[in-house]
């Protein structure tokens, strides 16, 4: 079984395929001036792009881990998440309050998905 790495940099790959499973790195927004909703939308758009590159989509999500810098941002983040997800194919999920590397970054999302 081959392992395929996508968009590798000096410390990580943004996506790794192993068999029929796709693992994405924790995705953070680039535009840190946006509020939690805007940052979440940007992150989810990047997840869509990476999943498509690997031959998958949000309907194939298996697991999601979401970090927010303030748990009070969970509700507005969930508003964006709920619109984005496929309601018939929801992944298992955790949402955790955490300090992120850049204080202006409000959300980071990591997912695992099936191919196909």
C-alpha atoms as a PDB file:
ATOM      1  CA  UNK A   1       0.000   0.000   0.000  1.00  0.00           C
ATOM      2  CA  UNK A   2       1.517   3.306  -1.040  1.00  0.00           C
ATOM      3  CA  UNK A   3       1.485   6.522   0.936  1.00  0.00           C
ATOM      4  CA  UNK A   4       1.002   9.761  -1.017  1.00  0.00           C
ATOM      5  CA  UNK A   5       1.883  13.114   0.537  1.00  0.00           C
ATOM      6  CA  UNK A   6       0.494  16.403  -0.788  1.00  0.00           C
ATOM      7  CA  UNK A   7       1.814  19.943  -0.389  1.00  0.00           C
ATOM      8  CA  UNK A   8       4.695  19.022   1.872  1.00  0.00           C
ATOM      9  CA  UNK A   9       6.682  21.742   3.561  1.00  0.00           C
ATOM     10  CA  UNK A  10       9.595  21.813   5.975  1.00  0.00           C
ATOM     11  CA  UNK A  11       7.604  20.441   8.934  1.00  0.00           C
ATOM     12  CA  UNK A  12       4.440  18.777   7.581  1.00  0.00           C
ATOM     13  CA  UNK A  13       2.322  17.707   4.633  1.00  0.00           C
ATOM     14  CA  UNK A  14      -1.105  19.315   4.293  1.00  0.00           C
ATOM     15  CA  UNK A  15      -2.634  15.980   3.229  1.00  0.00           C
ATOM     16  CA  UNK A  16      -1.549  12.352   3.363  1.00  0.00           C
ATOM     17  CA  UNK A  17      -3.284   9.472   1.602  1.00  0.00           C
ATOM     18  CA  UNK A  18      -2.835   5.928   2.871  1.00  0.00           C
ATOM     19  CA  UNK A  19      -4.988   3.330   1.165  1.00  0.00           C
ATOM     20  CA  UNK A  20      -8.563   4.603   1.147  1.00  0.00           C
ATOM     21  CA  UNK A  21      -8.020   7.089   3.975  1.00  0.00           C
ATOM     22  CA  UNK A  22      -7.068  10.772   3.750  1.00  0.00           C
ATOM     23  CA  UNK A  23      -5.555  12.642   6.684  1.00  0.00           C
ATOM     24  CA  UNK A  24      -5.426  16.437   6.631  1.00  0.00           C
ATOM     25  CA  UNK A  25      -3.142  18.538   8.791  1.00  0.00           C
ATOM     26  CA  UNK A  26      -4.679  21.067  11.129  1.00  0.00           C
ATOM     27  CA  UNK A  27      -5.894  23.789   8.770  1.00  0.00           C
ATOM     28  CA  UNK A  28      -5.799  27.420   9.901  1.00  0.00           C
ATOM     29  CA  UNK A  29      -7.042  30.563   8.156  1.00  0.00           C
ATOM     30  CA  UNK A  30      -4.683  32.900   6.320  1.00  0.00           C
ATOM     31  CA  UNK A  31      -6.844  36.011   6.806  1.00  0.00           C
ATOM     32  CA  UNK A  32      -6.602  36.506  10.554  1.00  0.00           C
ATOM     33  CA  UNK A  33      -8.538  39.771  10.474  1.00  0.00           C
ATOM     34  CA  UNK A  34     -11.817  37.853  10.018  1.00  0.00           C
ATOM     35  CA  UNK A  35     -14.086  36.955  12.929  1.00  0.00           C
ATOM     36  CA  UNK A  36     -14.657  33.335  13.947  1.00  0.00           C
ATOM     37  CA  UNK A  37     -17.274  32.803  11.230  1.00  0.00           C
ATOM     38  CA  UNK A  38     -15.054  34.193   8.490  1.00  0.00           C
ATOM     39  CA  UNK A  39     -12.043  32.201   9.684  1.00  0.00           C
ATOM     40  CA  UNK A  40     -14.122  29.017   9.865  1.00  0.00           C
ATOM     41  CA  UNK A  41     -15.456  29.558   6.322  1.00  0.00           C
ATOM     42  CA  UNK A  42     -11.912  30.000   5.036  1.00  0.00           C
ATOM     43  CA  UNK A  43     -10.690  26.857   6.793  1.00  0.00           C
ATOM     44  CA  UNK A  44     -13.602  24.788   5.480  1.00  0.00           C
ATOM     45  CA  UNK A  45     -12.984  26.032   1.920  1.00  0.00           C
ATOM     46  CA  UNK A  46      -9.359  24.891   2.227  1.00  0.00           C
ATOM     47  CA  UNK A  47     -10.525  21.513   3.539  1.00  0.00           C
ATOM     48  CA  UNK A  48     -12.824  21.216   0.503  1.00  0.00           C
ATOM     49  CA  UNK A  49      -9.880  21.998  -1.802  1.00  0.00           C
ATOM     50  CA  UNK A  50      -7.556  19.466  -0.188  1.00  0.00           C
ATOM     51  CA  UNK A  51     -10.185  16.714  -0.058  1.00  0.00           C
ATOM     52  CA  UNK A  52     -10.976  17.250  -3.760  1.00  0.00           C
ATOM     53  CA  UNK A  53      -7.261  17.083  -4.586  1.00  0.00           C
ATOM     54  CA  UNK A  54      -7.179  13.677  -2.869  1.00  0.00           C
ATOM     55  CA  UNK A  55     -10.344  12.393  -4.572  1.00  0.00           C
ATOM     56  CA  UNK A  56     -12.778  12.898  -1.702  1.00  0.00           C
ATOM     57  CA  UNK A  57     -15.308  15.365  -0.298  1.00  0.00           C
ATOM     58  CA  UNK A  58     -16.950  16.462   2.949  1.00  0.00           C
ATOM     59  CA  UNK A  59     -19.576  13.724   2.528  1.00  0.00           C
ATOM     60  CA  UNK A  60     -16.764  11.223   3.189  1.00  0.00           C
ATOM     61  CA  UNK A  61     -15.576  12.763   6.460  1.00  0.00           C
ATOM     62  CA  UNK A  62     -14.888  10.233   9.190  1.00  0.00           C
ATOM     63  CA  UNK A  63     -13.484  12.398  11.977  1.00  0.00           C
ATOM     64  CA  UNK A  64     -12.959  16.078  12.778  1.00  0.00           C
ATOM     65  CA  UNK A  65     -11.019  17.777  15.536  1.00  0.00           C
ATOM     66  CA  UNK A  66     -11.703  21.479  16.000  1.00  0.00           C
ATOM     67  CA  UNK A  67      -9.686  23.810  18.193  1.00  0.00           C
ATOM     68  CA  UNK A  68     -11.084  27.229  19.152  1.00  0.00           C
ATOM     69  CA  UNK A  69      -9.198  29.787  21.208  1.00  0.00           C
ATOM     70  CA  UNK A  70     -12.317  30.694  23.173  1.00  0.00           C
ATOM     71  CA  UNK A  71     -15.023  28.103  23.801  1.00  0.00           C
ATOM     72  CA  UNK A  72     -17.593  30.918  23.584  1.00  0.00           C
ATOM     73  CA  UNK A  73     -16.780  30.934  19.846  1.00  0.00           C
ATOM     74  CA  UNK A  74     -18.077  27.371  19.559  1.00  0.00           C
ATOM     75  CA  UNK A  75     -21.659  28.450  18.796  1.00  0.00           C
ATOM     76  CA  UNK A  76     -20.830  30.861  15.930  1.00  0.00           C
ATOM     77  CA  UNK A  77     -18.264  28.371  14.568  1.00  0.00           C
ATOM     78  CA  UNK A  78     -20.982  25.683  14.667  1.00  0.00           C
ATOM     79  CA  UNK A  79     -23.306  27.919  12.633  1.00  0.00           C
ATOM     80  CA  UNK A  80     -20.790  27.836   9.779  1.00  0.00           C
ATOM     81  CA  UNK A  81     -19.936  24.156  10.349  1.00  0.00           C
ATOM     82  CA  UNK A  82     -23.607  23.114  10.237  1.00  0.00           C
ATOM     83  CA  UNK A  83     -24.205  24.853   6.907  1.00  0.00           C
ATOM     84  CA  UNK A  84     -21.043  23.291   5.444  1.00  0.00           C
ATOM     85  CA  UNK A  85     -21.381  19.674   6.550  1.00  0.00           C
ATOM     86  CA  UNK A  86     -23.404  16.999   4.813  1.00  0.00           C
ATOM     87  CA  UNK A  87     -26.188  16.348   7.387  1.00  0.00           C
ATOM     88  CA  UNK A  88     -26.597  12.735   6.226  1.00  0.00           C
ATOM     89  CA  UNK A  89     -22.877  12.009   6.602  1.00  0.00           C
ATOM     90  CA  UNK A  90     -21.698  13.684   9.795  1.00  0.00           C
ATOM     91  CA  UNK A  91     -18.267  12.691  11.146  1.00  0.00           C
ATOM     92  CA  UNK A  92     -17.375  11.987  14.736  1.00  0.00           C
ATOM     93  CA  UNK A  93     -16.084  15.228  16.182  1.00  0.00           C
ATOM     94  CA  UNK A  94     -14.379  16.934  19.097  1.00  0.00           C
ATOM     95  CA  UNK A  95     -14.263  20.678  19.768  1.00  0.00           C
ATOM     96  CA  UNK A  96     -11.566  21.815  22.159  1.00  0.00           C
ATOM     97  CA  UNK A  97     -10.577  25.184  23.604  1.00  0.00           C
ATOM     98  CA  UNK A  98      -6.850  25.683  23.064  1.00  0.00           C
ATOM     99  CA  UNK A  99      -4.175  28.320  22.703  1.00  0.00           C
ATOM    100  CA  UNK A 100      -3.090  28.364  19.035  1.00  0.00           C
ATOM    101  CA  UNK A 101       0.344  29.346  17.674  1.00  0.00           C
ATOM    102  CA  UNK A 102      -0.848  32.762  16.437  1.00  0.00           C
ATOM    103  CA  UNK A 103      -3.074  34.658  18.913  1.00  0.00           C
ATOM    104  CA  UNK A 104      -5.061  36.157  16.001  1.00  0.00           C
ATOM    105  CA  UNK A 105      -5.989  32.666  14.777  1.00  0.00           C
ATOM    106  CA  UNK A 106      -9.360  31.738  16.275  1.00  0.00           C
ATOM    107  CA  UNK A 107      -9.889  28.234  14.842  1.00  0.00           C
ATOM    108  CA  UNK A 108      -7.977  25.222  13.533  1.00  0.00           C
ATOM    109  CA  UNK A 109      -9.628  22.140  12.040  1.00  0.00           C
ATOM    110  CA  UNK A 110      -8.137  18.710  11.278  1.00  0.00           C
ATOM    111  CA  UNK A 111     -10.101  15.998   9.474  1.00  0.00           C
ATOM    112  CA  UNK A 112      -9.832  12.388   8.372  1.00  0.00           C
ATOM    113  CA  UNK A 113     -11.871  11.238   5.360  1.00  0.00           C
ATOM    114  CA  UNK A 114     -12.411   8.213   3.175  1.00  0.00           C
ATOM    115  CA  UNK A 115     -11.523   8.298  -0.515  1.00  0.00           C
ATOM    116  CA  UNK A 116     -14.052   7.887  -3.268  1.00  0.00           C
END
